[in-house]
Amino acid sequence: MPKPRGPETQKMLRSIVTLLRNTTWKCGKIERRVMDYLQGQHKKQGAAQTPVTDIIQHFEVRGKKKSEYLEAIQRLEKRNIIKLSII
């Protein structure tokens, strides 16, 4: 049976990611994939903001992989590469 989501995870899924710095220095594999997606969105649409749900849908992740991507987004925020804004 799946583990229920905590309130922190639900807040994160409703937030918007803003790209602050265009760098992948000292990033892992998943962080680089997220950064590449954000950089591509910035080049295509000209907007440096993307909802977290769009990132999760783009990579088509479920279960454990989904939590790994959410953790990667948190690590990028901790390193001040992105900013999470709760809607």
N, C-alpha and C. Protein backbone atom coordinates (compact mmCIF):
# COMPACT_ATOMS: atom_id res chain seq x y z
N MET A 1 0.84 -1.17 0.00
CA MET A 1 0.00 0.00 0.00
C MET A 1 0.89 1.24 0.00
N PRO A 2 0.59 2.25 -0.86
CA PRO A 2 1.45 3.42 -0.92
C PRO A 2 1.41 4.25 0.35
N LYS A 3 2.55 4.83 0.65
CA LYS A 3 2.66 5.68 1.82
C LYS A 3 1.97 7.01 1.56
N PRO A 4 1.17 7.52 2.49
CA PRO A 4 0.47 8.78 2.25
C PRO A 4 1.47 9.94 2.17
N ARG A 5 1.15 10.87 1.32
CA ARG A 5 2.02 12.03 1.16
C ARG A 5 1.91 12.95 2.36
N GLY A 6 3.04 13.48 2.73
CA GLY A 6 3.04 14.44 3.82
C GLY A 6 2.66 15.81 3.32
N PRO A 7 2.37 16.73 4.23
CA PRO A 7 1.98 18.08 3.82
C PRO A 7 3.11 18.81 3.09
N GLU A 8 4.36 18.50 3.42
CA GLU A 8 5.48 19.15 2.74
C GLU A 8 5.55 18.76 1.28
N THR A 9 5.30 17.48 0.98
CA THR A 9 5.32 17.00 -0.40
C THR A 9 4.18 17.62 -1.19
N GLN A 10 3.02 17.74 -0.58
CA GLN A 10 1.88 18.34 -1.27
C GLN A 10 2.13 19.81 -1.57
N LYS A 11 2.76 20.52 -0.63
CA LYS A 11 3.11 21.92 -0.87
C LYS A 11 4.09 22.04 -2.03
N MET A 12 5.06 21.12 -2.05
CA MET A 12 6.07 21.16 -3.09
C MET A 12 5.45 20.92 -4.47
N LEU A 13 4.50 19.99 -4.55
CA LEU A 13 3.86 19.69 -5.83
C LEU A 13 3.02 20.86 -6.34
N ARG A 14 2.57 21.73 -5.44
CA ARG A 14 1.78 22.89 -5.85
C ARG A 14 2.64 24.13 -6.07
N SER A 15 3.94 24.00 -5.99
CA SER A 15 4.81 25.17 -6.09
C SER A 15 5.35 25.35 -7.51
N ILE A 16 5.97 26.49 -7.71
CA ILE A 16 6.56 26.85 -9.00
C ILE A 16 8.06 26.97 -8.81
N VAL A 17 8.80 26.40 -9.76
CA VAL A 17 10.26 26.45 -9.73
C VAL A 17 10.73 27.64 -10.56
N THR A 18 11.57 28.47 -9.98
CA THR A 18 12.16 29.60 -10.69
C THR A 18 13.65 29.37 -10.82
N LEU A 19 14.15 29.44 -12.03
CA LEU A 19 15.57 29.23 -12.30
C LEU A 19 16.34 30.49 -11.92
N LEU A 20 17.27 30.37 -10.98
CA LEU A 20 18.06 31.52 -10.54
C LEU A 20 19.43 31.55 -11.20
N ARG A 21 20.08 30.40 -11.26
CA ARG A 21 21.42 30.30 -11.82
C ARG A 21 21.46 29.20 -12.87
N ASN A 22 22.20 29.43 -13.91
CA ASN A 22 22.30 28.49 -15.01
C ASN A 22 23.59 27.68 -14.86
N THR A 23 23.62 26.80 -13.86
CA THR A 23 24.82 26.02 -13.61
C THR A 23 24.47 24.60 -13.19
N THR A 24 25.33 23.65 -13.56
CA THR A 24 25.15 22.26 -13.12
C THR A 24 26.41 21.77 -12.42
N TRP A 25 27.22 22.67 -11.95
CA TRP A 25 28.45 22.30 -11.28
C TRP A 25 28.13 21.53 -10.00
N LYS A 26 28.79 20.39 -9.82
CA LYS A 26 28.61 19.51 -8.67
C LYS A 26 27.18 18.98 -8.54
N CYS A 27 26.50 18.80 -9.65
CA CYS A 27 25.14 18.25 -9.63
C CYS A 27 25.19 16.77 -10.01
N GLY A 28 24.25 16.02 -9.49
CA GLY A 28 24.11 14.62 -9.83
C GLY A 28 23.34 14.45 -11.13
N LYS A 29 23.09 13.20 -11.48
CA LYS A 29 22.42 12.87 -12.73
C LYS A 29 21.00 13.44 -12.80
N ILE A 30 20.25 13.27 -11.73
CA ILE A 30 18.86 13.73 -11.73
C ILE A 30 18.80 15.26 -11.70
N GLU A 31 19.67 15.88 -10.91
CA GLU A 31 19.71 17.34 -10.87
C GLU A 31 20.03 17.92 -12.25
N ARG A 32 20.94 17.27 -12.97
CA ARG A 32 21.28 17.74 -14.32
C ARG A 32 20.09 17.62 -15.27
N ARG A 33 19.34 16.53 -15.15
CA ARG A 33 18.16 16.36 -16.01
C ARG A 33 17.13 17.45 -15.72
N VAL A 34 16.91 17.74 -14.44
CA VAL A 34 15.97 18.80 -14.07
C VAL A 34 16.46 20.14 -14.59
N MET A 35 17.74 20.42 -14.43
CA MET A 35 18.30 21.69 -14.89
C MET A 35 18.22 21.81 -16.41
N ASP A 36 18.51 20.72 -17.13
CA ASP A 36 18.39 20.75 -18.59
C ASP A 36 16.96 21.07 -19.02
N TYR A 37 16.00 20.47 -18.33
CA TYR A 37 14.59 20.75 -18.64
C TYR A 37 14.26 22.22 -18.38
N LEU A 38 14.70 22.74 -17.23
CA LEU A 38 14.41 24.14 -16.90
C LEU A 38 15.09 25.10 -17.88
N GLN A 39 16.33 24.78 -18.26
CA GLN A 39 17.03 25.62 -19.23
C GLN A 39 16.35 25.59 -20.59
N GLY A 40 15.87 24.41 -20.99
CA GLY A 40 15.15 24.29 -22.25
C GLY A 40 13.85 25.08 -22.24
N GLN A 41 13.11 25.01 -21.13
CA GLN A 41 11.89 25.78 -20.99
C GLN A 41 12.18 27.28 -21.06
N HIS A 42 13.27 27.68 -20.46
CA HIS A 42 13.64 29.10 -20.47
C HIS A 42 13.96 29.55 -21.89
N LYS A 43 14.65 28.70 -22.66
CA LYS A 43 14.99 29.05 -24.04
C LYS A 43 13.76 29.05 -24.94
N LYS A 44 12.87 28.05 -24.76
CA LYS A 44 11.68 27.94 -25.62
C LYS A 44 10.65 29.02 -25.33
N GLN A 45 10.30 29.17 -24.06
CA GLN A 45 9.20 30.05 -23.69
C GLN A 45 9.65 31.40 -23.17
N GLY A 46 10.91 31.53 -22.83
CA GLY A 46 11.39 32.78 -22.30
C GLY A 46 11.04 32.99 -20.83
N ALA A 47 10.40 32.01 -20.24
CA ALA A 47 10.01 32.12 -18.83
C ALA A 47 10.92 31.22 -17.99
N ALA A 48 11.40 31.75 -16.90
CA ALA A 48 12.27 30.98 -16.03
C ALA A 48 11.48 30.27 -14.94
N GLN A 49 10.14 30.24 -15.07
CA GLN A 49 9.30 29.62 -14.05
C GLN A 49 8.53 28.44 -14.64
N THR A 50 8.52 27.35 -13.91
CA THR A 50 7.82 26.13 -14.33
C THR A 50 7.20 25.47 -13.11
N PRO A 51 5.95 25.01 -13.20
CA PRO A 51 5.35 24.28 -12.08
C PRO A 51 6.05 22.93 -11.87
N VAL A 52 6.13 22.50 -10.62
CA VAL A 52 6.76 21.22 -10.29
C VAL A 52 6.01 20.07 -10.95
N THR A 53 4.69 20.19 -11.03
CA THR A 53 3.90 19.11 -11.65
C THR A 53 4.26 18.93 -13.11
N ASP A 54 4.60 20.02 -13.83
CA ASP A 54 5.03 19.89 -15.22
C ASP A 54 6.34 19.13 -15.34
N ILE A 55 7.24 19.36 -14.40
CA ILE A 55 8.53 18.66 -14.41
C ILE A 55 8.30 17.17 -14.19
N ILE A 56 7.47 16.83 -13.21
CA ILE A 56 7.18 15.43 -12.91
C ILE A 56 6.49 14.76 -14.11
N GLN A 57 5.55 15.44 -14.74
CA GLN A 57 4.86 14.87 -15.90
C GLN A 57 5.79 14.71 -17.08
N HIS A 58 6.71 15.65 -17.27
CA HIS A 58 7.65 15.56 -18.39
C HIS A 58 8.51 14.31 -18.31
N PHE A 59 8.99 14.00 -17.11
CA PHE A 59 9.86 12.84 -16.93
C PHE A 59 9.08 11.54 -16.73
N GLU A 60 7.75 11.64 -16.61
CA GLU A 60 6.88 10.47 -16.46
C GLU A 60 7.36 9.52 -15.36
N VAL A 61 7.57 10.08 -14.17
CA VAL A 61 8.06 9.28 -13.05
C VAL A 61 6.93 8.95 -12.10
N ARG A 62 7.04 7.80 -11.46
CA ARG A 62 6.05 7.33 -10.49
C ARG A 62 6.78 6.74 -9.28
N GLY A 63 6.13 6.71 -8.15
CA GLY A 63 6.63 6.03 -6.96
C GLY A 63 7.96 6.55 -6.46
N LYS A 64 8.92 5.64 -6.33
CA LYS A 64 10.23 5.97 -5.76
C LYS A 64 10.97 6.99 -6.62
N LYS A 65 10.87 6.85 -7.93
CA LYS A 65 11.54 7.80 -8.83
C LYS A 65 10.99 9.21 -8.64
N LYS A 66 9.68 9.30 -8.39
CA LYS A 66 9.06 10.61 -8.18
C LYS A 66 9.66 11.28 -6.95
N SER A 67 9.83 10.51 -5.89
CA SER A 67 10.41 11.08 -4.67
C SER A 67 11.86 11.46 -4.89
N GLU A 68 12.58 10.72 -5.74
CA GLU A 68 13.97 11.08 -6.04
C GLU A 68 14.04 12.41 -6.79
N TYR A 69 13.10 12.65 -7.71
CA TYR A 69 13.07 13.92 -8.42
C TYR A 69 12.70 15.06 -7.48
N LEU A 70 11.77 14.83 -6.58
CA LEU A 70 11.41 15.87 -5.61
C LEU A 70 12.58 16.19 -4.69
N GLU A 71 13.32 15.17 -4.29
CA GLU A 71 14.51 15.40 -3.46
C GLU A 71 15.58 16.17 -4.24
N ALA A 72 15.72 15.87 -5.52
CA ALA A 72 16.68 16.59 -6.35
C ALA A 72 16.31 18.07 -6.45
N ILE A 73 15.03 18.34 -6.58
CA ILE A 73 14.56 19.74 -6.64
C ILE A 73 14.86 20.44 -5.31
N GLN A 74 14.67 19.74 -4.20
CA GLN A 74 14.98 20.32 -2.89
C GLN A 74 16.48 20.60 -2.75
N ARG A 75 17.31 19.68 -3.26
CA ARG A 75 18.77 19.90 -3.19
C ARG A 75 19.17 21.12 -4.02
N LEU A 76 18.57 21.28 -5.20
CA LEU A 76 18.86 22.44 -6.03
C LEU A 76 18.44 23.73 -5.34
N GLU A 77 17.32 23.68 -4.64
CA GLU A 77 16.88 24.86 -3.90
C GLU A 77 17.83 25.16 -2.75
N LYS A 78 18.29 24.15 -2.08
CA LYS A 78 19.22 24.33 -0.96
C LYS A 78 20.52 24.97 -1.42
N ARG A 79 20.94 24.65 -2.66
CA ARG A 79 22.17 25.22 -3.22
C ARG A 79 21.94 26.55 -3.91
N ASN A 80 20.73 27.10 -3.80
CA ASN A 80 20.35 28.41 -4.38
C ASN A 80 20.52 28.46 -5.89
N ILE A 81 20.23 27.34 -6.55
CA ILE A 81 20.23 27.32 -8.02
C ILE A 81 18.83 27.58 -8.53
N ILE A 82 17.84 27.10 -7.79
CA ILE A 82 16.43 27.37 -8.12
C ILE A 82 15.75 27.90 -6.87
N LYS A 83 14.55 28.43 -7.09
CA LYS A 83 13.74 28.92 -5.97
C LYS A 83 12.35 28.31 -6.10
N LEU A 84 11.82 27.77 -5.00
CA LEU A 84 10.46 27.23 -4.97
C LEU A 84 9.52 28.27 -4.41
N SER A 85 8.49 28.59 -5.17
CA SER A 85 7.47 29.54 -4.73
C SER A 85 6.15 28.79 -4.59
N ILE A 86 5.61 28.78 -3.40
CA ILE A 86 4.36 28.08 -3.15
C ILE A 86 3.20 28.94 -3.64
N ILE A 87 2.30 28.33 -4.37
CA ILE A 87 1.15 29.06 -4.92
C ILE A 87 0.14 29.30 -3.82
